[in-house]
Amino acid sequence: MKKKLTSSLLASTLLAGALAGCSTSEAPASNASNTSNGSTSTPASNQPITLKFASWSISEAATKGALEEMAKAFEQQHPNVKIEFVGIPFGDIKQQTFVMASSGNAPDIMQTFPSWFSTYAASDIITPVDDLVGKDYVNDILPSFKEDFSYQGKLMGVPWAPTPYILYYNKELFKKAGLPDAPPKTYDEMMDAARKISKLKTDAGEKVYGYGEATDKLAINGMIALKNIYSFGGTVLDKDGKVNVNTPEVIEALKHYQTLANEDITPQGS
C-alpha cells in the first residue's frame, strides 16, 4: 500500500448564521445602516444592544479564549454592543437552536456545521446575511464557499473556520521509538512508525498511541474521514453524482480504520 499522505485534503468550514428572531437588544439590530460602498456601518443609535451568540466552541477549553478575545475586540469597536455567548454542546446545537427559535428565543448569531446547512437554509428561522455583513465582506468570500452557503440566490451564512487537515509528528516520540527524524510520506511508512510508537509507555507506565485519528460517532468525524477516503483514491459519489461507497477504494480506507482499532494504534472514540 503506497498511498501517499495528503497534507491538505478537506476544508472544514463552520457556519455563522444570523437567525431570524427578536434580538434581546433594547434597540433593534436593524439600526445598522449600509454605507455607500455596501459595508455595514455602526448602529445609528447608541442605545445598548445585546447579541446572543450560540456556539459550542465557547464551551470548549481549546477555543473558549479565542472567542472571548474576538468578542472583546468587537465590543471595543462598538461600545453599545454586548456579545452574550450561549454555550451548547456540538451534538445538541442543531436541535436546541430550532427549539429556541420555535419558542421565540432564537439566538441572533449561531455557529453550526456545514452538513446541517441545508436544514437551516430551507427553514424559516434564519435570515439572509448579504445586507448585514456588507458587499465588501461578501465579495471577499471564496466563490465556492459563497455557493455552498447560499439558498435561492441569498447568502444565508458565512464561513467561520475553513481549515485544511494536516499530519504532524512528535519528534520526541519518533526518537524514543528509534525512528528517523522525518515525517512519513506514505501510509505504509506512517503505519510502521505508529506500530513502533504504540509499543512505548509513558513514565507512569501508561500506553502511548502511535497515531491519532478521529473515531467517535460525530458528524465532524465523518467529514474528517473523507481525507482518508480521498487519499485512498476513493469518493462517496459515482460519476452520475449518486452516493456509492461500495468501491474497492472506500473499502480499503475502512480497512485502514479497522487495522487502527484491531492493533490498538489509535484511541477508541476520540
C-alpha atoms as a PDB file:
ATOM      1  CA  MET A   1       0.000   0.000   0.000  1.00  0.00           C
ATOM      2  CA  LYS A   2       1.943   3.003  -1.273  1.00  0.00           C
ATOM      3  CA  LYS A   3      -0.814   5.542  -0.917  1.00  0.00           C
ATOM      4  CA  LYS A   4       0.701   8.967  -0.454  1.00  0.00           C
ATOM      5  CA  LEU A   5      -0.368  11.014   2.522  1.00  0.00           C
ATOM      6  CA  THR A   6      -2.124  14.223   1.636  1.00  0.00           C
ATOM      7  CA  SER A   7      -1.476  17.273   3.779  1.00  0.00           C
ATOM      8  CA  SER A   8      -4.420  19.403   2.662  1.00  0.00           C
ATOM      9  CA  LEU A   9      -7.475  17.395   1.806  1.00  0.00           C
ATOM     10  CA  LEU A  10     -10.640  18.928   3.076  1.00  0.00           C
ATOM     11  CA  ALA A  11     -11.819  22.380   4.024  1.00  0.00           C
ATOM     12  CA  SER A  12     -13.683  22.045   7.296  1.00  0.00           C
ATOM     13  CA  THR A  13     -15.918  25.065   7.425  1.00  0.00           C
ATOM     14  CA  LEU A  14     -18.130  26.204  10.228  1.00  0.00           C
ATOM     15  CA  LEU A  15     -21.080  28.423   9.505  1.00  0.00           C
ATOM     16  CA  ALA A  16     -22.015  31.543  11.398  1.00  0.00           C
ATOM     17  CA  GLY A  17     -25.649  32.134  10.633  1.00  0.00           C
ATOM     18  CA  ALA A  18     -27.869  35.011  11.676  1.00  0.00           C
ATOM     19  CA  LEU A  19     -31.155  33.673  12.990  1.00  0.00           C
ATOM     20  CA  ALA A  20     -34.410  35.389  12.270  1.00  0.00           C
ATOM     21  CA  GLY A  21     -35.929  36.285  15.584  1.00  0.00           C
ATOM     22  CA  CYS A  22     -36.152  39.102  18.049  1.00  0.00           C
ATOM     23  CA  SER A  23     -32.872  40.430  19.320  1.00  0.00           C
ATOM     24  CA  THR A  24     -32.526  40.831  23.049  1.00  0.00           C
ATOM     25  CA  SER A  25     -31.480  44.411  22.414  1.00  0.00           C
ATOM     26  CA  GLU A  26     -33.315  47.495  23.537  1.00  0.00           C
ATOM     27  CA  ALA A  27     -32.668  48.926  20.074  1.00  0.00           C
ATOM     28  CA  PRO A  28     -33.165  46.555  17.135  1.00  0.00           C
ATOM     29  CA  ALA A  29     -30.181  45.339  15.178  1.00  0.00           C
ATOM     30  CA  SER A  30     -31.726  46.920  12.077  1.00  0.00           C
ATOM     31  CA  ASN A  31     -30.289  50.208  13.315  1.00  0.00           C
ATOM     32  CA  ALA A  32     -27.167  49.151  11.435  1.00  0.00           C
ATOM     33  CA  SER A  33     -27.069  51.033   8.149  1.00  0.00           C
ATOM     34  CA  ASN A  34     -25.204  50.417   4.902  1.00  0.00           C
ATOM     35  CA  THR A  35     -22.643  52.886   3.654  1.00  0.00           C
ATOM     36  CA  SER A  36     -22.293  53.862   0.008  1.00  0.00           C
ATOM     37  CA  ASN A  37     -19.754  51.087  -0.661  1.00  0.00           C
ATOM     38  CA  GLY A  38     -22.061  48.448   0.801  1.00  0.00           C
ATOM     39  CA  SER A  39     -20.228  47.862   4.062  1.00  0.00           C
ATOM     40  CA  THR A  40     -22.228  47.859   7.266  1.00  0.00           C
ATOM     41  CA  SER A  41     -21.703  50.898   9.467  1.00  0.00           C
ATOM     42  CA  THR A  42     -22.049  51.105  13.211  1.00  0.00           C
ATOM     43  CA  PRO A  43     -25.623  51.436  14.528  1.00  0.00           C
ATOM     44  CA  ALA A  44     -27.022  54.940  14.240  1.00  0.00           C
ATOM     45  CA  SER A  45     -28.287  54.668  17.783  1.00  0.00           C
ATOM     46  CA  ASN A  46     -26.050  54.456  20.829  1.00  0.00           C
ATOM     47  CA  GLN A  47     -28.660  52.534  22.746  1.00  0.00           C
ATOM     48  CA  PRO A  48     -27.372  49.259  24.219  1.00  0.00           C
ATOM     49  CA  ILE A  49     -27.664  46.168  22.055  1.00  0.00           C
ATOM     50  CA  THR A  50     -27.152  42.593  23.231  1.00  0.00           C
ATOM     51  CA  LEU A  51     -26.438  39.946  20.601  1.00  0.00           C
ATOM     52  CA  LYS A  52     -26.814  36.327  21.652  1.00  0.00           C
ATOM     53  CA  PHE A  53     -24.237  34.053  20.023  1.00  0.00           C
ATOM     54  CA  ALA A  54     -24.972  30.302  20.231  1.00  0.00           C
ATOM     55  CA  SER A  55     -21.743  28.325  19.990  1.00  0.00           C
ATOM     56  CA  TRP A  56     -20.191  25.042  21.052  1.00  0.00           C
ATOM     57  CA  SER A  57     -16.677  26.491  20.798  1.00  0.00           C
ATOM     58  CA  ILE A  58     -17.300  28.818  23.741  1.00  0.00           C
ATOM     59  CA  SER A  59     -17.767  25.726  25.933  1.00  0.00           C
ATOM     60  CA  GLU A  60     -14.515  24.053  24.890  1.00  0.00           C
ATOM     61  CA  ALA A  61     -11.229  24.938  26.553  1.00  0.00           C
ATOM     62  CA  ALA A  62      -9.234  24.906  23.307  1.00  0.00           C
ATOM     63  CA  THR A  63     -11.371  27.613  21.653  1.00  0.00           C
ATOM     64  CA  LYS A  64     -13.074  29.492  24.501  1.00  0.00           C
ATOM     65  CA  GLY A  65     -10.299  32.045  24.937  1.00  0.00           C
ATOM     66  CA  ALA A  66     -10.123  32.920  21.241  1.00  0.00           C
ATOM     67  CA  LEU A  67     -13.870  33.593  21.042  1.00  0.00           C
ATOM     68  CA  GLU A  68     -13.787  35.724  24.167  1.00  0.00           C
ATOM     69  CA  GLU A  69     -10.943  37.811  22.727  1.00  0.00           C
ATOM     70  CA  MET A  70     -12.847  38.264  19.452  1.00  0.00           C
ATOM     71  CA  ALA A  71     -15.950  39.405  21.310  1.00  0.00           C
ATOM     72  CA  LYS A  72     -13.877  41.770  23.449  1.00  0.00           C
ATOM     73  CA  ALA A  73     -12.290  43.355  20.380  1.00  0.00           C
ATOM     74  CA  PHE A  74     -15.706  43.763  18.715  1.00  0.00           C
ATOM     75  CA  GLU A  75     -17.213  45.344  21.820  1.00  0.00           C
ATOM     76  CA  GLN A  76     -14.328  47.832  21.980  1.00  0.00           C
ATOM     77  CA  GLN A  77     -15.115  48.897  18.406  1.00  0.00           C
ATOM     78  CA  HIS A  78     -18.856  49.032  19.153  1.00  0.00           C
ATOM     79  CA  PRO A  79     -19.211  50.210  22.784  1.00  0.00           C
ATOM     80  CA  ASN A  80     -23.013  49.958  22.742  1.00  0.00           C
ATOM     81  CA  VAL A  81     -22.969  46.284  21.706  1.00  0.00           C
ATOM     82  CA  LYS A  82     -22.657  43.380  24.121  1.00  0.00           C
ATOM     83  CA  ILE A  83     -21.938  39.825  22.884  1.00  0.00           C
ATOM     84  CA  GLU A  84     -23.643  37.243  25.072  1.00  0.00           C
ATOM     85  CA  PHE A  85     -22.497  33.682  24.435  1.00  0.00           C
ATOM     86  CA  VAL A  86     -24.891  30.758  24.720  1.00  0.00           C
ATOM     87  CA  GLY A  87     -22.838  27.591  25.165  1.00  0.00           C
ATOM     88  CA  ILE A  88     -24.414  24.479  23.623  1.00  0.00           C
ATOM     89  CA  PRO A  89     -22.582  21.150  23.091  1.00  0.00           C
ATOM     90  CA  PHE A  90     -21.781  20.304  19.470  1.00  0.00           C
ATOM     91  CA  GLY A  91     -24.080  17.293  19.406  1.00  0.00           C
ATOM     92  CA  ASP A  92     -27.045  19.306  20.709  1.00  0.00           C
ATOM     93  CA  ILE A  93     -26.732  22.678  18.993  1.00  0.00           C
ATOM     94  CA  LYS A  94     -28.832  21.875  15.913  1.00  0.00           C
ATOM     95  CA  GLN A  95     -31.818  20.626  17.908  1.00  0.00           C
ATOM     96  CA  GLN A  96     -31.513  23.265  20.598  1.00  0.00           C
ATOM     97  CA  THR A  97     -31.394  26.226  18.212  1.00  0.00           C
ATOM     98  CA  PHE A  98     -34.555  25.008  16.470  1.00  0.00           C
ATOM     99  CA  VAL A  99     -36.241  24.605  19.853  1.00  0.00           C
ATOM    100  CA  MET A 100     -35.133  28.100  20.872  1.00  0.00           C
ATOM    101  CA  ALA A 101     -36.453  29.549  17.610  1.00  0.00           C
ATOM    102  CA  SER A 102     -39.812  27.815  17.970  1.00  0.00           C
ATOM    103  CA  SER A 103     -40.238  29.372  21.404  1.00  0.00           C
ATOM    104  CA  GLY A 104     -39.358  32.862  20.181  1.00  0.00           C
ATOM    105  CA  ASN A 105     -35.983  32.852  21.917  1.00  0.00           C
ATOM    106  CA  ALA A 106     -33.659  32.336  18.943  1.00  0.00           C
ATOM    107  CA  PRO A 107     -30.041  33.488  19.257  1.00  0.00           C
ATOM    108  CA  ASP A 108     -29.010  36.328  16.971  1.00  0.00           C
ATOM    109  CA  ILE A 109     -25.919  34.503  15.694  1.00  0.00           C
ATOM    110  CA  MET A 110     -25.222  30.794  15.556  1.00  0.00           C
ATOM    111  CA  GLN A 111     -22.236  28.570  14.955  1.00  0.00           C
ATOM    112  CA  THR A 112     -23.224  25.458  13.049  1.00  0.00           C
ATOM    113  CA  PHE A 113     -21.824  22.699  10.859  1.00  0.00           C
ATOM    114  CA  PRO A 114     -21.710  22.581   7.020  1.00  0.00           C
ATOM    115  CA  SER A 115     -23.639  19.333   6.660  1.00  0.00           C
ATOM    116  CA  TRP A 116     -26.534  20.862   8.616  1.00  0.00           C
ATOM    117  CA  PHE A 117     -26.675  23.980   6.463  1.00  0.00           C
ATOM    118  CA  SER A 118     -29.418  22.797   4.097  1.00  0.00           C
ATOM    119  CA  THR A 119     -31.748  22.140   7.042  1.00  0.00           C
ATOM    120  CA  TYR A 120     -31.325  25.670   8.325  1.00  0.00           C
ATOM    121  CA  ALA A 121     -31.437  27.314   4.889  1.00  0.00           C
ATOM    122  CA  ALA A 122     -34.741  25.663   3.950  1.00  0.00           C
ATOM    123  CA  SER A 123     -36.314  26.600   7.273  1.00  0.00           C
ATOM    124  CA  ASP A 124     -37.780  29.961   8.200  1.00  0.00           C
ATOM    125  CA  ILE A 125     -35.611  30.597  11.240  1.00  0.00           C
ATOM    126  CA  ILE A 126     -32.592  32.216   9.578  1.00  0.00           C
ATOM    127  CA  THR A 127     -32.372  35.396   7.575  1.00  0.00           C
ATOM    128  CA  PRO A 128     -30.040  36.271   4.647  1.00  0.00           C
ATOM    129  CA  VAL A 129     -26.832  37.986   5.713  1.00  0.00           C
ATOM    130  CA  ASP A 130     -25.952  39.776   2.435  1.00  0.00           C
ATOM    131  CA  ASP A 131     -27.000  43.189   3.761  1.00  0.00           C
ATOM    132  CA  LEU A 132     -25.858  42.510   7.306  1.00  0.00           C
ATOM    133  CA  VAL A 133     -22.186  41.902   6.525  1.00  0.00           C
ATOM    134  CA  GLY A 134     -21.850  44.297   3.567  1.00  0.00           C
ATOM    135  CA  LYS A 135     -20.737  43.963  -0.065  1.00  0.00           C
ATOM    136  CA  ASP A 136     -17.013  44.222   0.674  1.00  0.00           C
ATOM    137  CA  TYR A 137     -17.197  41.235   3.004  1.00  0.00           C
ATOM    138  CA  VAL A 138     -19.393  39.194   0.652  1.00  0.00           C
ATOM    139  CA  ASN A 139     -17.103  39.894  -2.319  1.00  0.00           C
ATOM    140  CA  ASP A 140     -14.116  38.682  -0.296  1.00  0.00           C
ATOM    141  CA  ILE A 141     -15.629  35.220   0.297  1.00  0.00           C
ATOM    142  CA  LEU A 142     -14.279  32.480  -1.971  1.00  0.00           C
ATOM    143  CA  PRO A 143     -16.829  31.698  -4.716  1.00  0.00           C
ATOM    144  CA  SER A 144     -17.081  28.039  -3.692  1.00  0.00           C
ATOM    145  CA  PHE A 145     -17.937  28.977  -0.095  1.00  0.00           C
ATOM    146  CA  LYS A 146     -20.411  31.587  -1.283  1.00  0.00           C
ATOM    147  CA  GLU A 147     -22.126  28.947  -3.426  1.00  0.00           C
ATOM    148  CA  ASP A 148     -22.156  26.387  -0.618  1.00  0.00           C
ATOM    149  CA  PHE A 149     -23.833  28.745   1.839  1.00  0.00           C
ATOM    150  CA  SER A 150     -26.361  30.370  -0.482  1.00  0.00           C
ATOM    151  CA  TYR A 151     -30.007  29.408  -0.888  1.00  0.00           C
ATOM    152  CA  GLN A 152     -32.357  30.729  -3.561  1.00  0.00           C
ATOM    153  CA  GLY A 153     -29.843  33.398  -4.505  1.00  0.00           C
ATOM    154  CA  LYS A 154     -29.344  34.657  -0.945  1.00  0.00           C
ATOM    155  CA  LEU A 155     -26.295  34.263   1.263  1.00  0.00           C
ATOM    156  CA  MET A 156     -27.569  32.541   4.398  1.00  0.00           C
ATOM    157  CA  GLY A 157     -24.292  32.151   6.265  1.00  0.00           C
ATOM    158  CA  VAL A 158     -20.574  32.821   6.103  1.00  0.00           C
ATOM    159  CA  PRO A 159     -17.519  30.557   6.548  1.00  0.00           C
ATOM    160  CA  TRP A 160     -16.240  30.635  10.095  1.00  0.00           C
ATOM    161  CA  ALA A 161     -13.089  28.492  10.135  1.00  0.00           C
ATOM    162  CA  PRO A 162     -12.112  26.973   6.767  1.00  0.00           C
ATOM    163  CA  THR A 163      -9.048  24.893   7.549  1.00  0.00           C
ATOM    164  CA  PRO A 164      -7.082  22.067   5.937  1.00  0.00           C
ATOM    165  CA  TYR A 165      -6.295  18.804   7.716  1.00  0.00           C
ATOM    166  CA  ILE A 166      -2.584  18.238   8.206  1.00  0.00           C
ATOM    167  CA  LEU A 167      -0.383  15.451   9.536  1.00  0.00           C
ATOM    168  CA  TYR A 168       2.167  16.376  12.170  1.00  0.00           C
ATOM    169  CA  TYR A 169       4.564  14.171  14.076  1.00  0.00           C
ATOM    170  CA  ASN A 170       6.091  14.197  17.547  1.00  0.00           C
ATOM    171  CA  LYS A 171       9.870  14.302  17.123  1.00  0.00           C
ATOM    172  CA  GLU A 172      10.464  13.253  20.715  1.00  0.00           C
ATOM    173  CA  LEU A 173       8.362  10.090  20.341  1.00  0.00           C
ATOM    174  CA  PHE A 174       9.972   9.316  16.987  1.00  0.00           C
ATOM    175  CA  LYS A 175      13.372   9.489  18.662  1.00  0.00           C
ATOM    176  CA  LYS A 176      12.290   7.257  21.564  1.00  0.00           C
ATOM    177  CA  ALA A 177      10.944   4.685  19.090  1.00  0.00           C
ATOM    178  CA  GLY A 178      14.223   4.692  17.126  1.00  0.00           C
ATOM    179  CA  LEU A 179      12.616   6.299  14.069  1.00  0.00           C
ATOM    180  CA  PRO A 180      14.310   8.790  11.733  1.00  0.00           C
ATOM    181  CA  ASP A 181      13.616  12.474  12.295  1.00  0.00           C
ATOM    182  CA  ALA A 182      11.406  12.816   9.225  1.00  0.00           C
ATOM    183  CA  PRO A 183       7.641  12.707   8.650  1.00  0.00           C
ATOM    184  CA  PRO A 184       6.230   9.630   6.872  1.00  0.00           C
ATOM    185  CA  LYS A 185       5.455  10.067   3.174  1.00  0.00           C
ATOM    186  CA  THR A 186       3.128   7.109   2.656  1.00  0.00           C
ATOM    187  CA  TYR A 187       0.502   5.230   4.665  1.00  0.00           C
ATOM    188  CA  ASP A 188       2.901   2.273   4.883  1.00  0.00           C
ATOM    189  CA  GLU A 189       5.588   4.454   6.470  1.00  0.00           C
ATOM    190  CA  MET A 190       3.041   6.048   8.793  1.00  0.00           C
ATOM    191  CA  MET A 191       1.670   2.703   9.967  1.00  0.00           C
ATOM    192  CA  ASP A 192       5.178   1.352  10.514  1.00  0.00           C
ATOM    193  CA  ALA A 193       6.020   4.360  12.692  1.00  0.00           C
ATOM    194  CA  ALA A 194       2.671   4.148  14.515  1.00  0.00           C
ATOM    195  CA  ARG A 195       3.193   0.479  15.401  1.00  0.00           C
ATOM    196  CA  LYS A 196       6.632   1.186  16.868  1.00  0.00           C
ATOM    197  CA  ILE A 197       5.423   4.205  18.848  1.00  0.00           C
ATOM    198  CA  SER A 198       2.469   2.196  20.173  1.00  0.00           C
ATOM    199  CA  LYS A 199       4.929  -0.100  21.956  1.00  0.00           C
ATOM    200  CA  LEU A 200       6.148   2.797  24.104  1.00  0.00           C
ATOM    201  CA  LYS A 201       4.952   3.624  27.607  1.00  0.00           C
ATOM    202  CA  THR A 202       4.826   6.914  29.469  1.00  0.00           C
ATOM    203  CA  ASP A 203       6.959   7.437  32.577  1.00  0.00           C
ATOM    204  CA  ALA A 204       3.881   6.431  34.565  1.00  0.00           C
ATOM    205  CA  GLY A 205       3.561   3.195  32.597  1.00  0.00           C
ATOM    206  CA  GLU A 206       0.563   4.301  30.530  1.00  0.00           C
ATOM    207  CA  LYS A 207       0.080   3.315  26.922  1.00  0.00           C
ATOM    208  CA  VAL A 208       1.260   5.606  24.140  1.00  0.00           C
ATOM    209  CA  TYR A 209      -0.817   5.606  20.965  1.00  0.00           C
ATOM    210  CA  GLY A 210       1.150   5.736  17.739  1.00  0.00           C
ATOM    211  CA  TYR A 211      -1.455   7.574  15.714  1.00  0.00           C
ATOM    212  CA  GLY A 212      -4.320   9.939  16.452  1.00  0.00           C
ATOM    213  CA  GLU A 213      -7.424   9.510  14.295  1.00  0.00           C
ATOM    214  CA  ALA A 214     -10.914  10.852  14.943  1.00  0.00           C
ATOM    215  CA  THR A 215     -13.123   7.798  15.523  1.00  0.00           C
ATOM    216  CA  ASP A 216     -16.104   8.862  17.611  1.00  0.00           C
ATOM    217  CA  LYS A 217     -19.576   8.842  16.017  1.00  0.00           C
ATOM    218  CA  LEU A 218     -19.846  12.574  15.300  1.00  0.00           C
ATOM    219  CA  ALA A 219     -20.801  14.372  12.101  1.00  0.00           C
ATOM    220  CA  ILE A 220     -17.491  16.218  12.041  1.00  0.00           C
ATOM    221  CA  ASN A 221     -15.577  12.928  12.229  1.00  0.00           C
ATOM    222  CA  GLY A 222     -17.462  11.700   9.172  1.00  0.00           C
ATOM    223  CA  MET A 223     -16.178  14.775   7.360  1.00  0.00           C
ATOM    224  CA  ILE A 224     -12.675  14.128   8.669  1.00  0.00           C
ATOM    225  CA  ALA A 225     -12.855  10.557   7.347  1.00  0.00           C
ATOM    226  CA  LEU A 226     -13.129  11.951   3.821  1.00  0.00           C
ATOM    227  CA  LYS A 227      -9.431  12.830   3.919  1.00  0.00           C
ATOM    228  CA  ASN A 228      -8.607   9.132   4.215  1.00  0.00           C
ATOM    229  CA  ILE A 229     -11.155   8.103   1.595  1.00  0.00           C
ATOM    230  CA  TYR A 230      -9.719  10.648  -0.838  1.00  0.00           C
ATOM    231  CA  SER A 231      -6.149   9.607  -0.034  1.00  0.00           C
ATOM    232  CA  PHE A 232      -7.024   6.011  -0.907  1.00  0.00           C
ATOM    233  CA  GLY A 233      -8.372   7.225  -4.241  1.00  0.00           C
ATOM    234  CA  GLY A 234     -12.000   6.877  -3.233  1.00  0.00           C
ATOM    235  CA  THR A 235     -15.045   9.130  -3.281  1.00  0.00           C
ATOM    236  CA  VAL A 236     -18.569   8.980  -1.902  1.00  0.00           C
ATOM    237  CA  LEU A 237     -20.207   9.856  -5.233  1.00  0.00           C
ATOM    238  CA  ASP A 238     -20.133   7.949  -8.526  1.00  0.00           C
ATOM    239  CA  LYS A 239     -19.833   9.543 -11.986  1.00  0.00           C
ATOM    240  CA  ASP A 240     -23.591  10.213 -12.010  1.00  0.00           C
ATOM    241  CA  GLY A 241     -23.431  12.087  -8.704  1.00  0.00           C
ATOM    242  CA  LYS A 242     -25.138   9.339  -6.722  1.00  0.00           C
ATOM    243  CA  VAL A 243     -23.876   8.095  -3.367  1.00  0.00           C
ATOM    244  CA  ASN A 244     -21.832   4.914  -3.734  1.00  0.00           C
ATOM    245  CA  VAL A 245     -19.307   3.865  -1.115  1.00  0.00           C
ATOM    246  CA  ASN A 246     -19.234   0.195  -2.106  1.00  0.00           C
ATOM    247  CA  THR A 247     -15.988   0.571  -4.032  1.00  0.00           C
ATOM    248  CA  PRO A 248     -12.564  -1.034  -3.542  1.00  0.00           C
ATOM    249  CA  GLU A 249     -11.019   2.340  -2.646  1.00  0.00           C
ATOM    250  CA  VAL A 250     -13.524   3.157   0.089  1.00  0.00           C
ATOM    251  CA  ILE A 251     -13.369  -0.393   1.427  1.00  0.00           C
ATOM    252  CA  GLU A 252      -9.578  -0.102   1.614  1.00  0.00           C
ATOM    253  CA  ALA A 253      -9.921   3.137   3.574  1.00  0.00           C
ATOM    254  CA  LEU A 254     -12.366   1.486   6.007  1.00  0.00           C
ATOM    255  CA  LYS A 255      -9.975  -1.450   6.443  1.00  0.00           C
ATOM    256  CA  HIS A 256      -7.365   1.136   7.412  1.00  0.00           C
ATOM    257  CA  TYR A 257      -9.639   2.201  10.290  1.00  0.00           C
ATOM    258  CA  GLN A 258     -10.205  -1.451  11.142  1.00  0.00           C
ATOM    259  CA  THR A 259      -6.448  -2.005  11.414  1.00  0.00           C
ATOM    260  CA  LEU A 260      -6.050   1.028  13.676  1.00  0.00           C
ATOM    261  CA  ALA A 261      -8.703  -0.391  16.006  1.00  0.00           C
ATOM    262  CA  ASN A 262      -7.661  -4.046  15.920  1.00  0.00           C
ATOM    263  CA  GLU A 263      -3.998  -3.258  16.624  1.00  0.00           C
ATOM    264  CA  ASP A 264      -4.872  -0.613  19.247  1.00  0.00           C
ATOM    265  CA  ILE A 265      -2.855   2.007  17.409  1.00  0.00           C
ATOM    266  CA  THR A 266      -5.298   4.916  17.881  1.00  0.00           C
ATOM    267  CA  PRO A 267      -7.615   5.756  20.805  1.00  0.00           C
ATOM    268  CA  GLN A 268     -11.172   4.481  20.528  1.00  0.00           C
ATOM    269  CA  GLY A 269     -13.951   7.079  20.456  1.00  0.00           C
ATOM    270  CA  SER A 270     -11.679  10.104  20.063  1.00  0.00           C
END
